Amino acid sequence: MIKKLIKDYQPEELAVVFDAKGKTFRNDWYPEYKANRASMPVELSSQFEPLIEVLKAMGLPLLIIEGVEADDVIGSAVTQWKDHFEEVYIVSSDKDLMQFVDDKVKVLDTMKEKIYGCEEVFEKMGVKPEQIVDYLS
């Protein structure tokens, strides 16, 4: 997927973000956070270490911050980077990240080969990007 992304979209800059192992600051705030979520299947979790090694060998920067979810890292990065780039793409199918979409930030779902700008977020979710947090709450 990353090789196809690089080939098809030719990003000037690219960072790969993963959740760190263990609890996050949200677990400290609310111990029941994600308590009902099923554990990740071993078939998937066992792929992360080899994948990280491949990404490092490709020379791609990895952002893995202990105690912080990948979504929060992505949100912080996008908020900081959008002033330094003409466009910023969040490559994900996670609807939570649609809250960051604006005139410079888009969400790219490579599985569906769909780019979500403000209009596409509204078509999909029925709310504007700045309303996503309230909608999902």
Protein backbone atom coordinates (compact mmCIF):
# COMPACT_ATOMS: atom_id res chain seq x y z
CA MET A 1 0.00 0.00 0.00
CA ILE A 2 2.83 2.42 0.83
CA LYS A 3 4.71 1.67 -2.36
CA LYS A 4 1.50 2.24 -4.38
CA LEU A 5 0.83 5.44 -2.46
CA ILE A 6 4.31 6.74 -3.25
CA LYS A 7 4.02 5.71 -6.92
CA ASP A 8 0.51 7.06 -7.47
CA TYR A 9 0.62 10.26 -5.39
CA GLN A 10 4.35 11.11 -5.27
CA PRO A 11 4.25 12.87 -1.88
CA GLU A 12 6.94 15.46 -1.16
CA GLU A 13 7.01 14.33 2.47
CA LEU A 14 5.64 11.24 4.17
CA ALA A 15 5.44 9.97 7.73
CA VAL A 16 4.00 6.69 8.96
CA VAL A 17 2.18 6.68 12.28
CA PHE A 18 1.46 3.68 14.52
CA ASP A 19 -0.13 3.29 17.92
CA ALA A 20 2.44 2.60 20.61
CA LYS A 21 1.96 -0.52 22.70
CA GLY A 22 0.25 -0.08 26.03
CA LYS A 23 -2.14 2.38 27.55
CA THR A 24 -2.63 5.99 26.59
CA PHE A 25 -3.38 9.15 28.51
CA ARG A 26 -7.07 8.50 27.81
CA ASN A 27 -6.91 5.34 29.92
CA ASP A 28 -5.68 7.49 32.80
CA TRP A 29 -8.60 9.89 32.32
CA TYR A 30 -11.19 7.17 31.84
CA PRO A 31 -10.20 3.60 32.83
CA GLU A 32 -13.06 2.10 30.78
CA TYR A 33 -11.74 3.69 27.57
CA LYS A 34 -12.11 1.10 24.79
CA ALA A 35 -12.89 -1.56 27.42
CA ASN A 36 -15.45 -3.18 25.13
CA ARG A 37 -13.20 -3.24 22.08
CA ALA A 38 -11.97 -6.69 21.03
CA SER A 39 -8.24 -7.34 21.06
CA MET A 40 -6.37 -7.19 17.78
CA PRO A 41 -6.08 -10.64 16.16
CA VAL A 42 -2.63 -12.21 16.53
CA GLU A 43 -2.52 -12.66 12.75
CA LEU A 44 -2.50 -8.87 12.43
CA SER A 45 -0.46 -7.85 15.47
CA SER A 46 2.35 -10.25 14.52
CA GLN A 47 2.83 -8.31 11.27
CA PHE A 48 3.73 -4.99 12.91
CA GLU A 49 7.36 -5.63 13.86
CA PRO A 50 8.36 -6.94 10.41
CA LEU A 51 6.44 -4.08 8.79
CA ILE A 52 8.23 -1.51 10.95
CA GLU A 53 11.57 -2.99 9.92
CA VAL A 54 10.61 -2.76 6.23
CA LEU A 55 9.48 0.85 6.63
CA LYS A 56 12.75 1.72 8.37
CA ALA A 57 14.69 0.02 5.56
CA MET A 58 12.73 2.15 3.08
CA GLY A 59 13.93 5.22 4.97
CA LEU A 60 10.44 6.34 5.95
CA PRO A 61 10.03 8.31 9.17
CA LEU A 62 7.95 6.52 11.79
CA LEU A 63 5.99 8.33 14.48
CA ILE A 64 5.23 6.09 17.45
CA ILE A 65 4.64 8.07 20.64
CA GLU A 66 4.30 6.21 23.94
CA GLY A 67 1.05 6.98 25.74
CA VAL A 68 -0.53 8.66 22.71
CA GLU A 69 -2.81 7.07 20.11
CA ALA A 70 -1.88 7.30 16.45
CA ASP A 71 -5.01 9.40 15.78
CA ASP A 72 -3.77 12.03 18.23
CA VAL A 73 -0.30 12.02 16.70
CA ILE A 74 -1.81 12.39 13.22
CA GLY A 75 -4.08 15.21 14.37
CA SER A 76 -1.20 17.07 16.00
CA ALA A 77 1.04 16.61 12.98
CA VAL A 78 -1.63 17.75 10.52
CA THR A 79 -2.45 20.80 12.61
CA GLN A 80 1.22 21.80 12.62
CA TRP A 81 2.12 20.80 9.06
CA LYS A 82 -0.81 22.30 7.17
CA ASP A 83 0.71 25.77 7.45
CA HIS A 84 3.91 24.54 5.80
CA PHE A 85 2.49 22.66 2.82
CA GLU A 86 0.10 23.46 -0.01
CA GLU A 87 -1.88 20.28 0.77
CA VAL A 88 -1.76 17.64 3.48
CA TYR A 89 -3.27 14.19 3.01
CA ILE A 90 -4.19 11.90 5.86
CA VAL A 91 -4.05 8.39 4.44
CA SER A 92 -6.60 6.43 6.43
CA SER A 93 -10.11 4.99 6.38
CA ASP A 94 -10.71 6.16 9.98
CA LYS A 95 -13.74 8.45 9.99
CA ASP A 96 -12.50 10.16 13.20
CA LEU A 97 -9.74 11.79 11.16
CA MET A 98 -12.26 13.51 8.90
CA GLN A 99 -12.52 16.22 11.57
CA PHE A 100 -9.24 17.66 10.25
CA VAL A 101 -10.45 18.11 6.67
CA ASP A 102 -10.45 21.69 5.47
CA ASP A 103 -9.36 23.64 2.39
CA LYS A 104 -5.78 22.28 2.73
CA VAL A 105 -6.30 18.91 4.43
CA LYS A 106 -7.86 15.88 2.74
CA VAL A 107 -8.37 12.28 3.81
CA LEU A 108 -7.25 9.66 1.31
CA ASP A 109 -8.76 6.20 1.66
CA THR A 110 -6.45 4.08 -0.47
CA MET A 111 -8.63 1.00 -0.08
CA LYS A 112 -11.49 2.78 -1.86
CA GLU A 113 -9.19 5.11 -3.83
CA LYS A 114 -11.31 8.02 -2.62
CA ILE A 115 -10.22 11.49 -1.53
CA TYR A 116 -12.41 13.24 1.03
CA GLY A 117 -12.53 17.01 0.99
CA CYS A 118 -15.16 19.03 2.85
CA GLU A 119 -17.90 18.20 0.35
CA GLU A 120 -17.12 14.46 0.33
CA VAL A 121 -17.07 14.35 4.14
CA PHE A 122 -20.54 15.91 4.18
CA GLU A 123 -21.78 13.44 1.54
CA LYS A 124 -20.45 10.47 3.52
CA MET A 125 -21.15 11.56 7.09
CA GLY A 126 -24.03 14.03 6.73
CA VAL A 127 -22.11 16.65 8.72
CA LYS A 128 -19.31 19.11 8.01
CA PRO A 129 -15.75 18.20 9.06
CA GLU A 130 -15.88 20.64 11.99
CA GLN A 131 -18.99 18.78 13.25
CA ILE A 132 -17.43 15.29 13.20
CA VAL A 133 -16.38 15.32 16.87
CA ASP A 134 -19.91 16.19 18.01
CA TYR A 135 -21.46 13.74 15.56
CA LEU A 136 -19.30 10.83 16.71
CA SER A 137 -19.76 11.74 20.38
